[in-house]
């Protein structure tokens, strides 16, 4: 019964938070991602994330509430510039030219409490940690902040 009570609390809190508070950037990104994942819309999920969440094997997130947002971790881009391109380039547009620019990667972890419907139809409460990452490019009088991308989900 404890799991059912926790699930009811997550659902209730989600409804109250949607009704009372504007969604944060993290909530908006995660909502779009989980909605696209539920419908197996790979074109949207790949534009929002470098990881997947397959409802046929992992279930589908029905509702969620952000429990905590960790501090931003910053590091210089080392090696593979593809991870920066996902954040900096709008899907369907040519890649941003990075030659001569400084690229910094920013990551943070977002902990959520989610009601997840398993492939067998049962629903349970689950704590998930989502890693978000974006790129910031500077140099030559330019500063460009990329969009947040989901790069980890556990």
Protein backbone atom coordinates (compact mmCIF):
# COMPACT_ATOMS: atom_id res chain seq x y z
CA UNK A 1 0.00 0.00 0.00
CA UNK A 2 2.94 2.31 0.63
CA UNK A 3 3.77 2.37 -3.10
CA UNK A 4 0.17 3.25 -3.97
CA UNK A 5 0.19 6.12 -1.44
CA UNK A 6 3.44 7.44 -2.84
CA UNK A 7 2.10 7.20 -6.39
CA UNK A 8 -1.05 9.10 -5.38
CA UNK A 9 1.10 11.80 -3.75
CA UNK A 10 3.22 12.17 -6.91
CA UNK A 11 0.10 12.45 -9.08
CA UNK A 12 -1.53 14.95 -6.69
CA UNK A 13 1.61 17.09 -6.43
CA UNK A 14 2.00 17.06 -10.21
CA UNK A 15 -1.54 18.30 -10.73
CA UNK A 16 -1.15 21.01 -8.07
CA UNK A 17 2.23 22.15 -9.45
CA UNK A 18 0.88 22.33 -13.00
CA UNK A 19 -2.08 24.38 -11.83
CA UNK A 20 -0.15 26.80 -9.60
CA UNK A 21 3.38 27.27 -10.91
CA UNK A 22 4.75 27.87 -14.40
CA UNK A 23 6.84 24.96 -15.60
CA UNK A 24 10.60 25.37 -15.31
CA UNK A 25 12.85 24.85 -18.33
CA UNK A 26 13.78 21.43 -16.94
CA UNK A 27 10.12 20.41 -16.55
CA UNK A 28 9.29 21.58 -20.06
CA UNK A 29 12.17 19.61 -21.60
CA UNK A 30 11.37 16.46 -19.61
CA UNK A 31 7.64 16.72 -20.42
CA UNK A 32 8.35 16.94 -24.15
CA UNK A 33 10.82 14.05 -23.93
CA UNK A 34 8.55 11.69 -21.97
CA UNK A 35 5.55 12.53 -24.18
CA UNK A 36 7.58 11.81 -27.33
CA UNK A 37 8.95 8.61 -25.78
CA UNK A 38 5.42 7.40 -24.95
CA UNK A 39 4.42 7.74 -28.60
CA UNK A 40 7.72 6.35 -29.93
CA UNK A 41 8.41 9.63 -31.76
CA UNK A 42 12.12 9.22 -32.49
CA UNK A 43 12.40 12.47 -34.42
CA UNK A 44 11.47 14.44 -31.30
CA UNK A 45 13.31 12.28 -28.76
CA UNK A 46 16.56 12.45 -30.74
CA UNK A 47 16.28 16.24 -30.96
CA UNK A 48 15.88 16.44 -27.16
CA UNK A 49 18.17 13.66 -25.96
CA UNK A 50 21.14 11.48 -26.72
CA UNK A 51 19.52 8.68 -24.69
CA UNK A 52 16.21 6.93 -25.11
CA UNK A 53 13.38 5.68 -22.91
CA UNK A 54 11.55 2.90 -24.71
CA UNK A 55 8.01 2.32 -23.40
CA UNK A 56 8.02 -1.25 -24.71
CA UNK A 57 10.92 -2.23 -22.45
CA UNK A 58 11.18 0.46 -19.75
CA UNK A 59 7.59 1.60 -19.45
CA UNK A 60 6.29 5.12 -19.89
CA UNK A 61 6.36 8.10 -17.57
CA UNK A 62 2.78 9.21 -16.98
CA UNK A 63 3.44 12.15 -14.65
CA UNK A 64 6.48 13.40 -12.78
CA UNK A 65 7.56 16.00 -10.29
CA UNK A 66 11.02 17.56 -10.03
CA UNK A 67 12.37 16.70 -6.59
CA UNK A 68 15.80 18.37 -6.88
CA UNK A 69 18.04 20.18 -9.33
CA UNK A 70 21.75 19.77 -8.73
CA UNK A 71 24.42 22.41 -9.23
CA UNK A 72 25.85 23.07 -12.67
CA UNK A 73 29.15 21.32 -13.39
CA UNK A 74 31.38 23.10 -15.92
CA UNK A 75 34.23 21.71 -18.01
CA UNK A 76 36.03 22.52 -21.22
CA UNK A 77 35.07 20.47 -24.23
CA UNK A 78 37.68 17.81 -24.79
CA UNK A 79 37.84 15.84 -27.98
CA UNK A 80 34.49 14.88 -29.51
CA UNK A 81 32.71 18.01 -30.69
CA UNK A 82 29.57 16.04 -31.57
CA UNK A 83 28.33 16.37 -28.00
CA UNK A 84 28.51 20.17 -28.32
CA UNK A 85 26.76 20.16 -31.69
CA UNK A 86 23.62 18.52 -30.31
CA UNK A 87 23.17 21.45 -27.94
CA UNK A 88 24.26 24.23 -30.29
CA UNK A 89 22.66 23.21 -33.57
CA UNK A 90 18.95 23.45 -34.27
CA UNK A 91 17.69 20.12 -35.70
CA UNK A 92 17.67 20.26 -39.49
CA UNK A 93 20.15 23.15 -39.63
CA UNK A 94 23.85 22.98 -40.55
CA UNK A 95 26.34 22.52 -37.70
CA UNK A 96 27.73 25.60 -35.98
CA UNK A 97 31.35 26.32 -36.93
CA UNK A 98 33.49 25.98 -33.78
CA UNK A 99 36.95 26.72 -35.20
CA UNK A 100 38.74 29.29 -33.06
CA UNK A 101 36.02 29.33 -30.40
CA UNK A 102 36.11 28.16 -26.79
CA UNK A 103 33.47 25.55 -25.98
CA UNK A 104 32.40 24.93 -22.41
CA UNK A 105 30.13 22.05 -21.43
CA UNK A 106 27.66 22.57 -18.58
CA UNK A 107 25.88 19.63 -16.97
CA UNK A 108 23.44 19.24 -14.10
CA UNK A 109 21.43 16.42 -12.61
CA UNK A 110 17.68 16.64 -12.10
CA UNK A 111 16.03 14.17 -9.74
CA UNK A 112 12.39 13.40 -10.43
CA UNK A 113 9.66 11.34 -8.80
CA UNK A 114 7.71 9.69 -11.59
CA UNK A 115 4.66 7.51 -12.02
CA UNK A 116 5.84 4.92 -14.54
CA UNK A 117 3.48 2.56 -16.33
CA UNK A 118 5.33 -0.70 -16.97
CA UNK A 119 4.88 -2.61 -20.25
CA UNK A 120 2.57 -5.03 -18.39
CA UNK A 121 0.22 -2.14 -17.50
CA UNK A 122 1.06 -1.78 -13.81
CA UNK A 123 1.99 1.67 -12.54
CA UNK A 124 4.56 2.37 -9.86
CA UNK A 125 6.44 5.30 -8.38
CA UNK A 126 10.06 5.59 -9.40
CA UNK A 127 12.87 7.99 -8.55
CA UNK A 128 14.91 8.88 -11.62
CA UNK A 129 18.04 10.99 -12.10
CA UNK A 130 18.26 12.81 -15.42
CA UNK A 131 21.49 14.40 -16.63
CA UNK A 132 21.06 17.56 -18.67
CA UNK A 133 23.89 19.11 -20.66
CA UNK A 134 24.40 22.16 -22.82
CA UNK A 135 27.25 23.95 -24.56
CA UNK A 136 28.34 27.55 -24.27
CA UNK A 137 30.57 28.97 -27.01
CA UNK A 138 32.65 32.13 -26.63
CA UNK A 139 35.28 33.89 -28.68
CA UNK A 140 35.60 36.68 -31.21
CA UNK A 141 32.99 38.78 -29.42
CA UNK A 142 30.48 35.94 -29.64
CA UNK A 143 28.67 34.18 -26.80
CA UNK A 144 26.17 31.51 -27.72
CA UNK A 145 24.35 29.28 -25.23
CA UNK A 146 23.08 25.98 -26.54
CA UNK A 147 19.86 24.31 -25.47
CA UNK A 148 19.67 21.74 -22.68
CA UNK A 149 19.86 18.13 -23.94
CA UNK A 150 19.13 14.97 -21.94
CA UNK A 151 22.37 12.96 -21.90
CA UNK A 152 21.71 10.51 -19.08
CA UNK A 153 18.75 8.76 -17.48
CA UNK A 154 18.96 6.35 -14.59
